[in-house]
Amino acid sequence: MGLNYTRPAASDAEAFIASLAGCGAVVHIATEVPRDFSALDAWEVNTRLRTEGTRRLLDASLAAGVRHCVLERVALAYPDGGDRWLDESTPLDDSPPARLSARR
C-alpha cells in the first residue's frame, strides 16, 4: 500500500480517470479560500471546486473503479475575530449563514 499525491486536470476527463487508475481510495481536499471575504464573488471559485469539482472527482473515481472517497469539509462556527485569538469560550456565530449551515 502506498500514497500518491496528484493534481489531475479535472477539465480533461480521460486524463482525470487515468490518474485514478489503480487507486483504492481518493481524498478530496481541494479548496480556494478567498483573500477578501467581502468581495461579491469571493467564494465563487471555492463553490465551483466544492460542487463541480466534487462531481467530476466522484464521476472519475467511479469510472476508474475507486472504491472509497473521503471528502474534507469545513464548518465556520465562530465569528471573525480579526487579529484576536478565539477559543472555546468564544460564543458561536449565530448570523444567518452560520445558522443555515448548522441545520443542514
C-alpha atoms as a PDB file:
ATOM      1  CA  MET A   1       0.000   0.000   0.000  1.00  0.00           C
ATOM      2  CA  GLY A   2       1.310   3.424  -0.870  1.00  0.00           C
ATOM      3  CA  LEU A   3       0.262   7.009  -1.154  1.00  0.00           C
ATOM      4  CA  ASN A   4       0.404   9.051  -4.334  1.00  0.00           C
ATOM      5  CA  TYR A   5      -0.302  12.769  -4.441  1.00  0.00           C
ATOM      6  CA  THR A   6      -1.657  14.043  -7.729  1.00  0.00           C
ATOM      7  CA  ARG A   7      -3.305  17.179  -9.051  1.00  0.00           C
ATOM      8  CA  PRO A   8      -5.040  15.970 -12.197  1.00  0.00           C
ATOM      9  CA  ALA A   9      -6.667  18.408 -14.594  1.00  0.00           C
ATOM     10  CA  ALA A  10     -10.332  17.876 -13.808  1.00  0.00           C
ATOM     11  CA  SER A  11     -11.254  19.505 -17.114  1.00  0.00           C
ATOM     12  CA  ASP A  12      -9.685  16.559 -19.018  1.00  0.00           C
ATOM     13  CA  ALA A  13     -11.988  13.657 -18.120  1.00  0.00           C
ATOM     14  CA  GLU A  14      -9.841  10.924 -19.723  1.00  0.00           C
ATOM     15  CA  ALA A  15      -6.646  12.106 -18.016  1.00  0.00           C
ATOM     16  CA  PHE A  16      -8.530  12.503 -14.756  1.00  0.00           C
ATOM     17  CA  ILE A  17      -9.794   8.918 -14.911  1.00  0.00           C
ATOM     18  CA  ALA A  18      -6.351   7.624 -15.935  1.00  0.00           C
ATOM     19  CA  SER A  19      -4.717   9.390 -12.975  1.00  0.00           C
ATOM     20  CA  LEU A  20      -7.014   7.459 -10.632  1.00  0.00           C
ATOM     21  CA  ALA A  21      -6.479   4.027 -12.197  1.00  0.00           C
ATOM     22  CA  GLY A  22      -5.370   1.521  -9.583  1.00  0.00           C
ATOM     23  CA  CYS A  23      -6.302   3.736  -6.633  1.00  0.00           C
ATOM     24  CA  GLY A  24      -8.230   2.144  -3.793  1.00  0.00           C
ATOM     25  CA  ALA A  25      -9.279   5.491  -2.349  1.00  0.00           C
ATOM     26  CA  VAL A  26      -9.186   9.204  -3.105  1.00  0.00           C
ATOM     27  CA  VAL A  27      -9.143  12.126  -0.694  1.00  0.00           C
ATOM     28  CA  HIS A  28     -10.739  15.342  -1.949  1.00  0.00           C
ATOM     29  CA  ILE A  29      -9.118  18.319  -0.184  1.00  0.00           C
ATOM     30  CA  ALA A  30      -9.356  20.959  -2.913  1.00  0.00           C
ATOM     31  CA  THR A  31     -10.316  24.384  -1.637  1.00  0.00           C
ATOM     32  CA  GLU A  32      -9.852  28.037  -2.514  1.00  0.00           C
ATOM     33  CA  VAL A  33     -10.363  30.307   0.480  1.00  0.00           C
ATOM     34  CA  PRO A  34     -10.684  33.900  -0.739  1.00  0.00           C
ATOM     35  CA  ARG A  35      -8.317  36.609   0.421  1.00  0.00           C
ATOM     36  CA  ASP A  36     -11.121  39.185   0.575  1.00  0.00           C
ATOM     37  CA  PHE A  37     -14.262  37.696   2.139  1.00  0.00           C
ATOM     38  CA  SER A  38     -16.215  40.885   1.458  1.00  0.00           C
ATOM     39  CA  ALA A  39     -15.924  40.691  -2.342  1.00  0.00           C
ATOM     40  CA  LEU A  40     -19.224  39.832  -4.037  1.00  0.00           C
ATOM     41  CA  ASP A  41     -17.770  36.792  -5.792  1.00  0.00           C
ATOM     42  CA  ALA A  42     -15.330  35.910  -3.004  1.00  0.00           C
ATOM     43  CA  TRP A  43     -16.426  32.296  -2.675  1.00  0.00           C
ATOM     44  CA  GLU A  44     -17.191  31.619  -6.357  1.00  0.00           C
ATOM     45  CA  VAL A  45     -14.074  29.541  -7.108  1.00  0.00           C
ATOM     46  CA  ASN A  46     -14.399  27.603  -3.856  1.00  0.00           C
ATOM     47  CA  THR A  47     -18.072  26.909  -4.558  1.00  0.00           C
ATOM     48  CA  ARG A  48     -17.198  25.548  -8.013  1.00  0.00           C
ATOM     49  CA  LEU A  49     -14.494  23.328  -6.504  1.00  0.00           C
ATOM     50  CA  ARG A  50     -16.946  22.019  -3.920  1.00  0.00           C
ATOM     51  CA  THR A  51     -19.754  21.384  -6.424  1.00  0.00           C
ATOM     52  CA  GLU A  52     -18.487  20.852  -9.971  1.00  0.00           C
ATOM     53  CA  GLY A  53     -15.072  19.645  -8.814  1.00  0.00           C
ATOM     54  CA  THR A  54     -16.571  17.139  -6.401  1.00  0.00           C
ATOM     55  CA  ARG A  55     -18.933  15.829  -9.092  1.00  0.00           C
ATOM     56  CA  ARG A  56     -16.035  15.415 -11.553  1.00  0.00           C
ATOM     57  CA  LEU A  57     -13.899  13.665  -8.947  1.00  0.00           C
ATOM     58  CA  LEU A  58     -16.692  11.265  -7.994  1.00  0.00           C
ATOM     59  CA  ASP A  59     -17.540  10.537 -11.644  1.00  0.00           C
ATOM     60  CA  ALA A  60     -13.870   9.895 -12.467  1.00  0.00           C
ATOM     61  CA  SER A  61     -13.451   7.776  -9.332  1.00  0.00           C
ATOM     62  CA  LEU A  62     -16.393   5.584 -10.295  1.00  0.00           C
ATOM     63  CA  ALA A  63     -15.119   5.263 -13.864  1.00  0.00           C
ATOM     64  CA  ALA A  64     -11.649   4.279 -12.576  1.00  0.00           C
ATOM     65  CA  GLY A  65     -13.049   1.723 -10.131  1.00  0.00           C
ATOM     66  CA  VAL A  66     -12.062   3.589  -6.965  1.00  0.00           C
ATOM     67  CA  ARG A  67     -13.922   2.066  -4.026  1.00  0.00           C
ATOM     68  CA  HIS A  68     -13.526   4.752  -1.343  1.00  0.00           C
ATOM     69  CA  CYS A  69     -13.752   8.552  -1.397  1.00  0.00           C
ATOM     70  CA  VAL A  70     -13.039  10.864   1.523  1.00  0.00           C
ATOM     71  CA  LEU A  71     -14.365  14.411   1.223  1.00  0.00           C
ATOM     72  CA  GLU A  72     -12.923  17.071   3.542  1.00  0.00           C
ATOM     73  CA  ARG A  73     -15.308  19.826   4.580  1.00  0.00           C
ATOM     74  CA  VAL A  74     -15.210  22.746   6.973  1.00  0.00           C
ATOM     75  CA  ALA A  75     -17.828  24.473   9.073  1.00  0.00           C
ATOM     76  CA  LEU A  76     -17.083  28.017  10.192  1.00  0.00           C
ATOM     77  CA  ALA A  77     -18.811  28.073  13.563  1.00  0.00           C
ATOM     78  CA  TYR A  78     -17.062  31.036  15.160  1.00  0.00           C
ATOM     79  CA  PRO A  79     -17.331  34.720  14.246  1.00  0.00           C
ATOM     80  CA  ASP A  80     -14.446  36.531  12.577  1.00  0.00           C
ATOM     81  CA  GLY A  81     -12.178  37.548  15.436  1.00  0.00           C
ATOM     82  CA  GLY A  82      -9.907  39.759  13.390  1.00  0.00           C
ATOM     83  CA  ASP A  83      -6.440  39.700  14.947  1.00  0.00           C
ATOM     84  CA  ARG A  84      -7.543  38.342  18.301  1.00  0.00           C
ATOM     85  CA  TRP A  85      -7.326  34.663  19.259  1.00  0.00           C
ATOM     86  CA  LEU A  86     -10.567  32.722  19.552  1.00  0.00           C
ATOM     87  CA  ASP A  87     -11.014  29.785  21.917  1.00  0.00           C
ATOM     88  CA  GLU A  88     -13.786  27.576  23.279  1.00  0.00           C
ATOM     89  CA  SER A  89     -15.140  30.422  25.405  1.00  0.00           C
ATOM     90  CA  THR A  90     -15.947  32.444  22.258  1.00  0.00           C
ATOM     91  CA  PRO A  91     -19.701  32.313  21.529  1.00  0.00           C
ATOM     92  CA  LEU A  92     -20.647  30.582  18.282  1.00  0.00           C
ATOM     93  CA  ASP A  93     -21.541  32.767  15.325  1.00  0.00           C
ATOM     94  CA  ASP A  94     -25.317  32.902  15.102  1.00  0.00           C
ATOM     95  CA  SER A  95     -25.547  35.022  11.962  1.00  0.00           C
ATOM     96  CA  PRO A  96     -27.971  33.672   9.311  1.00  0.00           C
ATOM     97  CA  PRO A  97     -25.372  31.816   7.160  1.00  0.00           C
ATOM     98  CA  ALA A  98     -23.991  30.008  10.233  1.00  0.00           C
ATOM     99  CA  ARG A  99     -27.490  29.012  11.376  1.00  0.00           C
ATOM    100  CA  LEU A 100     -28.339  27.772   7.889  1.00  0.00           C
ATOM    101  CA  SER A 101     -25.173  25.642   7.709  1.00  0.00           C
ATOM    102  CA  ALA A 102     -25.818  24.151  11.135  1.00  0.00           C
ATOM    103  CA  ARG A 103     -29.283  22.961  10.052  1.00  0.00           C
ATOM    104  CA  ARG A 104     -28.065  21.004   7.023  1.00  0.00           C
END
